[in-house]
């Protein structure tokens, strides 16, 4: 128990950035926190924190221990949850992350329906256009669009999407329609920077790849802003198929260069690997996968 208390206190100090803040969080006295950290440093034979009058920061050894300590405490919590029945019945707080637009459109309704069906579960969502580290940020499930790098996470494929290049009919009426990706150099382009700020668009058909380095006239940190600019006739942008499906169907946008793109981007649900996966994670992934797979044909047709 002493070693566990030391690790728990160490993580609290690291996360809160101070001994007093950790003491308040753990409902301990500051001297008790100081003694536990000193005992841990004595036991492992190295300093874990750099202390100044203004702040407390981790040493290099402290950084290494912090990541291991977070994992160890999470594993212990999983074992305790298993013994208490949390792995038999969904309960607790479920945290889910997804890209902003996809999260709002598809994931949020799934989360609400899941919580409705599981009254002992509450949920938190984090919709951001960046790759979130589930372990470092303490999240349960992620929706990822695109090819996956090597990872210890479990991945469940639920469908796929494609990229589309689009412009408003009013824009195409004013300029010559691009017949090849290289023609984009002669056009006003709008670059969404949320997931990939690099101004290069790759077009892939079969084994043939055309990479176009852009000089965008406008860069937008959200896809909605980029699509709105294209709908207004301002220029050409590129999006995932579901992000412009309604505008294409309404005739507000037209697809360009479709014959140069047949690549599909997979959609995965991801969660931490482990035989003690909590019921809230296991059952949510099963439910979300079933819903998204029913939507897959519609998504893939967009």
Protein backbone atom coordinates (compact mmCIF):
# COMPACT_ATOMS: atom_id res chain seq x y z
CA UNK A 1 0.00 0.00 0.00
CA UNK A 2 2.93 2.35 0.74
CA UNK A 3 4.31 2.08 -2.78
CA UNK A 4 0.87 2.57 -4.28
CA UNK A 5 0.32 5.68 -2.16
CA UNK A 6 3.69 7.06 -3.24
CA UNK A 7 2.90 6.55 -6.93
CA UNK A 8 -0.59 8.00 -6.54
CA UNK A 9 0.86 11.07 -4.81
CA UNK A 10 3.63 11.41 -7.42
CA UNK A 11 1.09 11.41 -10.27
CA UNK A 12 -1.11 13.94 -8.44
CA UNK A 13 1.82 16.34 -7.99
CA UNK A 14 2.89 15.93 -11.63
CA UNK A 15 -0.62 16.50 -12.97
CA UNK A 16 -1.48 19.42 -10.68
CA UNK A 17 1.91 21.09 -10.96
CA UNK A 18 2.40 21.59 -7.23
CA UNK A 19 2.54 19.95 -3.82
CA UNK A 20 -0.23 22.07 -2.29
CA UNK A 21 -2.59 21.44 -5.20
CA UNK A 22 -1.91 17.70 -4.99
CA UNK A 23 -2.56 17.77 -1.24
CA UNK A 24 -5.95 19.41 -1.81
CA UNK A 25 -6.83 16.87 -4.50
CA UNK A 26 -5.82 13.91 -2.33
CA UNK A 27 -7.27 15.47 0.85
CA UNK A 28 -3.90 15.23 2.57
CA UNK A 29 -1.68 17.73 4.33
CA UNK A 30 1.17 19.31 2.29
CA UNK A 31 3.81 17.88 4.65
CA UNK A 32 2.41 14.38 4.08
CA UNK A 33 2.69 14.85 0.32
CA UNK A 34 6.25 16.10 0.70
CA UNK A 35 7.21 13.08 2.86
CA UNK A 36 5.73 10.59 0.38
CA UNK A 37 7.57 12.15 -2.58
CA UNK A 38 10.82 12.24 -0.57
CA UNK A 39 10.39 8.56 0.34
CA UNK A 40 9.77 7.66 -3.31
CA UNK A 41 12.85 9.60 -4.45
CA UNK A 42 14.96 7.95 -1.74
CA UNK A 43 13.70 4.49 -2.67
CA UNK A 44 14.48 4.80 -6.40
CA UNK A 45 17.61 6.90 -5.86
CA UNK A 46 16.91 9.91 -8.07
CA UNK A 47 15.15 13.25 -8.04
CA UNK A 48 11.75 13.33 -9.70
CA UNK A 49 10.89 17.02 -9.49
CA UNK A 50 12.66 20.31 -10.01
CA UNK A 51 11.32 22.64 -7.33
CA UNK A 52 11.39 26.43 -7.57
CA UNK A 53 9.51 29.11 -5.65
CA UNK A 54 7.09 29.47 -8.56
CA UNK A 55 6.54 25.97 -9.93
CA UNK A 56 7.26 22.26 -9.79
CA UNK A 57 8.32 20.40 -12.93
CA UNK A 58 9.40 16.86 -13.72
CA UNK A 59 13.00 15.83 -14.21
CA UNK A 60 13.88 13.53 -17.10
CA UNK A 61 13.63 10.54 -14.73
CA UNK A 62 10.34 11.92 -13.45
CA UNK A 63 8.96 12.11 -17.00
CA UNK A 64 9.79 8.43 -17.56
CA UNK A 65 8.29 7.37 -14.26
CA UNK A 66 5.16 9.46 -14.81
CA UNK A 67 4.09 7.57 -17.95
CA UNK A 68 4.73 4.20 -16.29
CA UNK A 69 2.96 5.28 -13.08
CA UNK A 70 -0.16 6.41 -14.96
CA UNK A 71 -0.32 3.04 -16.71
CA UNK A 72 0.25 1.09 -13.48
CA UNK A 73 -2.46 3.00 -11.63
CA UNK A 74 -4.86 2.53 -14.56
CA UNK A 75 -4.16 -1.22 -14.58
CA UNK A 76 -4.79 -1.40 -10.84
CA UNK A 77 -8.04 0.53 -11.25
CA UNK A 78 -9.07 -1.95 -13.95
CA UNK A 79 -8.38 -4.90 -11.65
CA UNK A 80 -10.39 -3.30 -8.85
CA UNK A 81 -13.22 -2.48 -11.26
CA UNK A 82 -13.25 -6.08 -12.42
CA UNK A 83 -13.56 -7.33 -8.86
CA UNK A 84 -16.36 -4.86 -8.13
CA UNK A 85 -18.35 -5.86 -11.20
CA UNK A 86 -17.63 -2.88 -13.46
CA UNK A 87 -16.55 -5.30 -16.16
CA UNK A 88 -19.88 -7.14 -16.01
CA UNK A 89 -22.21 -4.13 -16.19
CA UNK A 90 -21.59 -0.83 -18.00
CA UNK A 91 -21.03 1.93 -15.46
CA UNK A 92 -18.91 5.00 -14.85
CA UNK A 93 -17.80 7.81 -17.14
CA UNK A 94 -17.22 6.98 -20.81
CA UNK A 95 -14.93 9.37 -22.71
CA UNK A 96 -15.00 9.41 -26.52
CA UNK A 97 -12.98 11.46 -29.00
CA UNK A 98 -13.51 11.99 -32.74
CA UNK A 99 -12.78 14.55 -35.47
CA UNK A 100 -14.96 17.65 -35.02
CA UNK A 101 -17.31 17.36 -38.00
CA UNK A 102 -17.63 13.58 -37.91
CA UNK A 103 -18.13 13.71 -34.15
CA UNK A 104 -20.95 16.25 -34.33
CA UNK A 105 -22.66 14.51 -37.23
CA UNK A 106 -22.37 10.82 -36.35
CA UNK A 107 -20.71 10.14 -33.00
CA UNK A 108 -22.69 12.50 -30.74
CA UNK A 109 -26.07 10.83 -31.52
CA UNK A 110 -24.51 7.39 -30.91
CA UNK A 111 -23.15 8.50 -27.53
CA UNK A 112 -26.51 9.96 -26.48
CA UNK A 113 -28.38 6.80 -27.46
CA UNK A 114 -25.85 4.63 -25.63
CA UNK A 115 -26.18 6.65 -22.42
CA UNK A 116 -29.99 6.48 -22.72
CA UNK A 117 -29.72 2.67 -22.84
CA UNK A 118 -27.20 2.45 -19.97
CA UNK A 119 -28.37 4.60 -17.04
CA UNK A 120 -25.27 3.88 -14.93
CA UNK A 121 -23.03 5.44 -17.59
CA UNK A 122 -22.35 9.12 -18.17
CA UNK A 123 -20.29 10.36 -21.10
CA UNK A 124 -17.77 12.99 -22.10
CA UNK A 125 -16.91 13.83 -25.71
CA UNK A 126 -13.79 15.51 -27.09
CA UNK A 127 -14.25 16.49 -30.73
CA UNK A 128 -10.98 17.89 -32.07
CA UNK A 129 -9.19 17.79 -35.41
CA UNK A 130 -5.98 16.31 -34.06
CA UNK A 131 -4.78 12.82 -33.19
CA UNK A 132 -5.45 12.34 -29.48
CA UNK A 133 -3.31 9.97 -27.41
CA UNK A 134 -5.90 7.90 -25.53
CA UNK A 135 -3.56 6.80 -22.76
CA UNK A 136 -1.89 10.16 -22.14
CA UNK A 137 -5.20 12.03 -22.11
CA UNK A 138 -7.16 9.40 -20.18
CA UNK A 139 -9.76 8.69 -22.89
CA UNK A 140 -11.60 5.45 -23.57
CA UNK A 141 -12.54 5.32 -27.26
CA UNK A 142 -11.38 7.19 -30.38
CA UNK A 143 -12.82 7.41 -33.87
CA UNK A 144 -10.00 7.67 -36.42
CA UNK A 145 -10.31 8.42 -40.14
CA UNK A 146 -7.36 7.40 -42.32
CA UNK A 147 -4.61 4.83 -42.30
CA UNK A 148 -3.42 3.84 -38.83
CA UNK A 149 0.19 3.90 -37.66
CA UNK A 150 1.51 1.04 -35.56
CA UNK A 151 -0.12 1.04 -32.14
CA UNK A 152 -0.91 -1.10 -29.13
CA UNK A 153 -4.55 -0.02 -29.38
CA UNK A 154 -7.28 -2.31 -30.63
CA UNK A 155 -8.88 -1.11 -33.87
CA UNK A 156 -12.31 -2.08 -35.23
CA UNK A 157 -12.94 -1.04 -38.84
CA UNK A 158 -16.46 0.26 -39.42
CA UNK A 159 -16.43 1.77 -42.92
CA UNK A 160 -14.58 4.11 -45.26
CA UNK A 161 -14.76 7.54 -46.88
CA UNK A 162 -13.20 9.25 -49.88
CA UNK A 163 -11.79 12.69 -50.51
CA UNK A 164 -13.51 14.98 -53.00
CA UNK A 165 -12.37 18.20 -54.64
CA UNK A 166 -15.21 20.69 -55.03
CA UNK A 167 -16.16 24.17 -56.17
CA UNK A 168 -19.39 26.10 -56.69
CA UNK A 169 -20.95 26.19 -60.17
CA UNK A 170 -20.57 29.98 -60.10
CA UNK A 171 -16.80 29.62 -59.72
CA UNK A 172 -16.55 27.09 -62.55
CA UNK A 173 -18.61 29.40 -64.77
CA UNK A 174 -15.99 32.13 -64.35
CA UNK A 175 -12.87 30.05 -64.94
CA UNK A 176 -11.70 27.07 -66.94
CA UNK A 177 -12.61 23.80 -65.22
CA UNK A 178 -9.45 21.91 -64.12
CA UNK A 179 -8.92 18.74 -66.17
CA UNK A 180 -5.87 17.47 -64.26
CA UNK A 181 -4.57 17.95 -60.70
CA UNK A 182 -1.67 20.05 -62.04
CA UNK A 183 -4.25 22.59 -63.30
CA UNK A 184 -4.98 23.54 -59.68
CA UNK A 185 -1.88 25.76 -59.77
CA UNK A 186 -3.90 28.12 -61.98
CA UNK A 187 -6.84 28.26 -59.56
CA UNK A 188 -7.75 29.91 -56.28
CA UNK A 189 -7.58 27.14 -53.68
CA UNK A 190 -8.90 26.97 -50.13
CA UNK A 191 -6.87 24.83 -47.72
CA UNK A 192 -8.51 23.26 -44.62
CA UNK A 193 -5.69 23.00 -42.08
CA UNK A 194 -7.44 21.17 -39.23
CA UNK A 195 -5.90 17.73 -39.69
CA UNK A 196 -3.14 18.45 -42.19
CA UNK A 197 -1.69 21.95 -42.49
CA UNK A 198 0.73 20.92 -45.27
CA UNK A 199 -0.40 22.60 -48.53
CA UNK A 200 -0.14 19.44 -50.64
CA UNK A 201 -3.07 17.49 -52.09
CA UNK A 202 -2.37 13.89 -53.13
CA UNK A 203 -4.58 12.36 -55.80
CA UNK A 204 -4.40 8.57 -56.05
CA UNK A 205 -5.97 6.35 -58.69
CA UNK A 206 -4.79 2.76 -58.73
CA UNK A 207 -1.00 2.86 -58.46
CA UNK A 208 -0.80 6.33 -59.94
CA UNK A 209 -0.25 9.29 -57.63
CA UNK A 210 -0.36 12.99 -58.43
CA UNK A 211 0.93 15.31 -55.69
CA UNK A 212 0.07 18.98 -56.05
CA UNK A 213 1.83 21.57 -53.91
CA UNK A 214 -0.56 24.47 -53.43
CA UNK A 215 -0.19 28.15 -52.79
CA UNK A 216 -3.60 28.54 -51.15
CA UNK A 217 -5.37 31.87 -51.41
CA UNK A 218 -7.12 31.06 -48.12
CA UNK A 219 -6.30 28.68 -45.25
CA UNK A 220 -9.03 27.72 -42.77
CA UNK A 221 -8.59 25.88 -39.51
CA UNK A 222 -12.10 24.35 -39.80
CA UNK A 223 -13.57 22.39 -42.67
CA UNK A 224 -16.89 24.25 -42.32
CA UNK A 225 -15.19 27.57 -43.08
CA UNK A 226 -13.42 26.08 -46.12
CA UNK A 227 -16.61 24.52 -47.47
CA UNK A 228 -18.59 27.74 -46.90
CA UNK A 229 -15.97 29.66 -48.87
CA UNK A 230 -16.23 27.18 -51.73
CA UNK A 231 -20.04 27.30 -51.68
CA UNK A 232 -19.89 31.07 -52.03
CA UNK A 233 -17.99 30.68 -55.30
CA UNK A 234 -14.71 31.89 -53.81
CA UNK A 235 -12.50 28.99 -54.93
CA UNK A 236 -11.74 25.25 -54.85
CA UNK A 237 -11.41 23.16 -51.70
CA UNK A 238 -11.04 19.51 -50.74
CA UNK A 239 -13.01 17.64 -48.12
CA UNK A 240 -14.18 14.21 -47.04
CA UNK A 241 -17.23 13.05 -48.94
CA UNK A 242 -19.70 13.27 -46.05
CA UNK A 243 -18.64 16.87 -45.31
CA UNK A 244 -19.94 18.11 -48.67
CA UNK A 245 -22.62 15.50 -49.44
CA UNK A 246 -25.58 17.83 -48.79
CA UNK A 247 -24.04 20.68 -50.79
CA UNK A 248 -23.31 18.34 -53.71
CA UNK A 249 -26.84 16.95 -53.65
CA UNK A 250 -28.30 20.47 -53.54
CA UNK A 251 -26.17 21.57 -56.49
CA UNK A 252 -24.34 24.17 -54.40
CA UNK A 253 -21.05 22.40 -55.16
CA UNK A 254 -19.80 20.23 -58.01
CA UNK A 255 -17.11 17.57 -57.80
CA UNK A 256 -13.88 18.11 -59.72
CA UNK A 257 -11.11 15.70 -60.74
CA UNK A 258 -13.07 12.66 -59.57
CA UNK A 259 -11.34 10.36 -62.07
CA UNK A 260 -8.03 11.06 -60.33
CA UNK A 261 -9.14 9.80 -56.91
CA UNK A 262 -10.29 6.28 -56.08
CA UNK A 263 -8.55 5.94 -52.71
CA UNK A 264 -10.77 5.22 -49.70
CA UNK A 265 -9.91 6.24 -46.15
CA UNK A 266 -10.85 3.70 -43.47
CA UNK A 267 -12.87 4.59 -40.37
CA UNK A 268 -11.85 2.81 -37.16
CA UNK A 269 -13.02 2.68 -33.58
CA UNK A 270 -10.01 2.38 -31.29
CA UNK A 271 -9.58 1.57 -27.61
CA UNK A 272 -6.89 0.35 -25.26
CA UNK A 273 -5.96 -3.28 -25.62
CA UNK A 274 -6.45 -5.51 -22.60
CA UNK A 275 -8.31 -8.50 -21.34
CA UNK A 276 -9.88 -6.41 -18.55
CA UNK A 277 -11.59 -3.95 -20.86
CA UNK A 278 -14.40 -2.34 -18.90
CA UNK A 279 -17.96 -3.16 -19.89
CA UNK A 280 -18.69 0.49 -20.71
CA UNK A 281 -15.93 0.45 -23.36
CA UNK A 282 -16.64 -3.02 -24.70
CA UNK A 283 -20.38 -2.49 -25.05
CA UNK A 284 -20.04 1.03 -26.46
CA UNK A 285 -17.60 -0.13 -29.14
CA UNK A 286 -19.95 -2.98 -30.07
CA UNK A 287 -22.93 -0.62 -30.27
CA UNK A 288 -21.11 2.17 -32.13
CA UNK A 289 -19.63 -0.31 -34.61
CA UNK A 290 -23.07 -1.74 -35.38
CA UNK A 291 -24.54 1.73 -35.98
CA UNK A 292 -21.64 2.98 -38.08
CA UNK A 293 -21.61 -0.18 -40.16
CA UNK A 294 -25.29 0.36 -40.94
CA UNK A 295 -24.31 3.84 -42.09
CA UNK A 296 -21.28 2.54 -43.99
CA UNK A 297 -23.03 2.02 -47.31
CA UNK A 298 -24.46 5.52 -47.17
CA UNK A 299 -21.09 7.00 -46.18
CA UNK A 300 -19.21 5.07 -48.88
CA UNK A 301 -21.72 6.18 -51.52
CA UNK A 302 -21.19 9.87 -50.67
